[in-house]
Structure formats: structure tokens, C-alpha cells
Amino acid sequence: MSSLEGLGKILLLIKLDAESVFRRIKFRQNEYIRTMSLKRTREHLKDVFKSRYDGITIHDMKNFSEEIIMEIDRYYDEVENLKWYLTHTEDMPTTVTDITTQKIIILEKLFNSMKMYIEAELSGIVPEKGNLNSL
């Protein structure tokens, strides 16, 4: 396997992982907030936020473009911020739902941007820095 093939596979795995994490956060929102509220536990959140990205090393990413590294970092940083909020909040369930919904909107934008950069890289298209309209 060439280093370019390896790079493509790592990018694909990150894209699939990010999509999986996003789907769990978005589509299981009512369930995990209800569990937090009724059972007074946050133990289940580790399953919601489980990610293979945690196993990716700097060495694995050293050949990624700056833009892709930045997009991946922005997305996973926001995922981590939401995880931190949910695991440490003392807010009431309605407030948790409102804040989580707002963060999901932000996550969706970040995910879509990251996904476009990754797909462009995988297809060989290099978008202009900061301008994805050319895709």
C-alpha cells in the first residue's frame, strides 16, 4: 500500500467516524438527555461520544493538508466541548436540550465543511483556501 493509499484510507476512516459520532449526537439526543434526567447518570455518554479519532496519531495525520487538519480539529473540538458540557452540567433538562440543539446545529456545519474538504482531497480536487464554492 502506497503512502497516498494509506492517507486516503485514514481520511476515509475519519470521515466515517465523524459521521457516526454526529449521527449518534443528533439522532439520540432525546434518549441521552432523558437518561441523564431520569437516572441522574452520565455513564451512557461514553457510548454516544465513542470515537476512533482518539486512536489517530500525529504521525497518521502528518501528510494531511493544513486545511484538512484545521477542519478535523474544529469538528472534534466542538464534539469535545459538547461532551464536556453534558458530563459536567447541572442545568435543567430543558436548558440542556436547548443548548445541545444549538451545538448540534454548529456541529452539523462543521461536519459538512470537514466532509467537503475530505471528499475533495479523496477525489483529487484541491479547494481554494476558505472557499468551498468551487466544489
Protein backbone atom coordinates (compact mmCIF):
# COMPACT_ATOMS: atom_id res chain seq x y z
CA MET A 1 0.00 0.00 0.00
CA SER A 2 1.44 3.36 -1.00
CA SER A 3 1.53 6.26 1.43
CA LEU A 4 -1.15 8.00 -0.67
CA GLU A 5 -3.44 4.99 -0.37
CA GLY A 6 -2.81 4.92 3.37
CA LEU A 7 -3.55 8.64 3.60
CA GLY A 8 -6.81 8.16 1.73
CA LYS A 9 -7.85 5.30 3.99
CA ILE A 10 -7.14 7.33 7.12
CA LEU A 11 -9.13 10.26 5.72
CA LEU A 12 -12.00 7.93 4.86
CA LEU A 13 -11.95 6.43 8.36
CA ILE A 14 -12.00 9.90 9.93
CA LYS A 15 -14.92 10.93 7.70
CA LEU A 16 -16.88 7.78 8.58
CA ASP A 17 -16.09 8.17 12.27
CA ALA A 18 -17.12 11.83 12.30
CA GLU A 19 -20.37 10.94 10.57
CA SER A 20 -21.09 8.16 13.05
CA VAL A 21 -20.38 10.41 16.05
CA PHE A 22 -22.56 13.16 14.58
CA ARG A 23 -25.47 10.81 13.91
CA ARG A 24 -25.37 9.50 17.49
CA ILE A 25 -25.23 13.01 18.92
CA LYS A 26 -28.07 14.29 16.75
CA PHE A 27 -30.46 11.38 16.48
CA ARG A 28 -30.11 10.04 20.03
CA GLN A 29 -30.38 13.45 21.67
CA ASN A 30 -33.76 12.83 23.29
CA GLU A 31 -32.64 9.45 24.62
CA TYR A 32 -29.37 10.56 26.24
CA ILE A 33 -30.90 13.69 27.75
CA ARG A 34 -33.84 11.69 29.10
CA THR A 35 -31.43 9.15 30.62
CA MET A 36 -29.41 11.97 32.20
CA SER A 37 -32.58 13.44 33.66
CA LEU A 38 -34.33 10.30 34.88
CA LYS A 39 -31.41 8.17 36.01
CA ARG A 40 -29.11 11.00 37.08
CA THR A 41 -26.22 9.34 35.30
CA ARG A 42 -23.82 10.32 32.57
CA GLU A 43 -22.25 6.91 32.16
CA HIS A 44 -24.11 6.33 28.87
CA LEU A 45 -22.48 9.39 27.26
CA LYS A 46 -19.27 7.47 26.67
CA ASP A 47 -21.18 5.39 24.10
CA VAL A 48 -22.63 8.48 22.42
CA PHE A 49 -19.20 10.11 22.08
CA LYS A 50 -17.17 6.99 21.32
CA SER A 51 -14.77 7.81 18.52
CA ARG A 52 -11.98 6.12 16.60
CA TYR A 53 -10.44 9.56 16.14
CA ASP A 54 -8.96 9.23 19.62
CA GLY A 55 -6.71 6.49 18.22
CA ILE A 56 -5.38 8.59 15.33
CA THR A 57 -1.86 9.86 15.96
CA ILE A 58 0.01 12.94 14.79
CA HIS A 59 2.12 10.57 12.72
CA ASP A 60 -1.05 9.36 10.95
CA MET A 61 -2.00 12.94 10.10
CA LYS A 62 1.39 14.40 9.23
CA ASN A 63 0.74 14.34 5.47
CA PHE A 64 -2.75 15.89 5.65
CA SER A 65 -3.12 19.39 4.25
CA GLU A 66 -3.33 22.26 6.72
CA GLU A 67 -6.94 22.87 5.74
CA ILE A 68 -7.98 19.30 6.47
CA ILE A 69 -6.16 19.27 9.80
CA MET A 70 -7.90 22.52 10.77
CA GLU A 71 -11.34 21.25 9.70
CA ILE A 72 -10.91 17.97 11.56
CA ASP A 73 -9.69 19.80 14.65
CA ARG A 74 -12.60 22.28 14.61
CA TYR A 75 -15.15 19.48 14.34
CA TYR A 76 -13.70 17.22 17.03
CA ASP A 77 -13.05 20.20 19.32
CA GLU A 78 -16.75 21.09 19.18
CA VAL A 79 -17.65 17.44 19.82
CA GLU A 80 -15.38 17.53 22.88
CA ASN A 81 -16.95 20.81 24.06
CA LEU A 82 -20.42 19.28 23.89
CA LYS A 83 -19.22 16.16 25.69
CA TRP A 84 -17.67 18.30 28.43
CA TYR A 85 -20.86 20.32 28.80
CA LEU A 86 -23.08 17.24 29.03
CA THR A 87 -20.83 15.45 31.50
CA HIS A 88 -20.45 18.46 33.82
CA THR A 89 -23.66 20.47 33.53
CA GLU A 90 -26.08 20.99 36.35
CA ASP A 91 -28.59 22.67 34.04
CA MET A 92 -32.21 21.60 33.96
CA PRO A 93 -33.26 19.19 31.15
CA THR A 94 -34.97 21.89 29.08
CA THR A 95 -31.85 24.05 29.15
CA VAL A 96 -29.68 21.03 28.33
CA THR A 97 -31.93 20.29 25.35
CA ASP A 98 -31.80 23.89 24.12
CA ILE A 99 -28.02 24.17 24.43
CA THR A 100 -27.47 20.73 22.89
CA THR A 101 -29.74 21.60 19.96
CA GLN A 102 -27.74 24.79 19.34
CA LYS A 103 -24.47 22.86 19.50
CA ILE A 104 -25.82 20.24 17.08
CA ILE A 105 -26.51 22.98 14.53
CA ILE A 106 -22.89 24.15 14.89
CA LEU A 107 -21.61 20.56 14.70
CA GLU A 108 -23.57 19.92 11.52
CA LYS A 109 -21.99 22.93 9.81
CA LEU A 110 -18.52 21.89 10.97
CA PHE A 111 -19.12 18.29 9.90
CA ASN A 112 -20.32 19.32 6.44
CA SER A 113 -17.33 21.60 5.95
CA MET A 114 -14.87 18.92 7.08
CA LYS A 115 -16.60 16.35 4.90
CA MET A 116 -16.29 18.58 1.82
CA TYR A 117 -12.57 19.06 2.40
CA ILE A 118 -12.01 15.34 2.92
CA GLU A 119 -14.08 14.37 -0.12
CA ALA A 120 -12.23 16.96 -2.21
CA GLU A 121 -8.91 15.53 -1.05
CA LEU A 122 -10.05 11.96 -1.76
CA SER A 123 -11.22 12.91 -5.25
CA GLY A 124 -8.08 14.89 -6.03
CA ILE A 125 -9.78 18.30 -6.07
CA VAL A 126 -7.96 20.93 -4.06
CA PRO A 127 -10.43 23.63 -2.92
CA GLU A 128 -9.23 27.19 -2.60
CA LYS A 129 -8.37 28.02 0.99
CA GLY A 130 -11.53 29.18 2.74
CA ASN A 131 -13.67 28.79 -0.40
CA LEU A 132 -15.58 25.58 -0.94
CA ASN A 133 -17.96 27.07 -3.50
CA SER A 134 -15.68 25.75 -6.23
CA LEU A 135 -16.75 22.23 -5.32
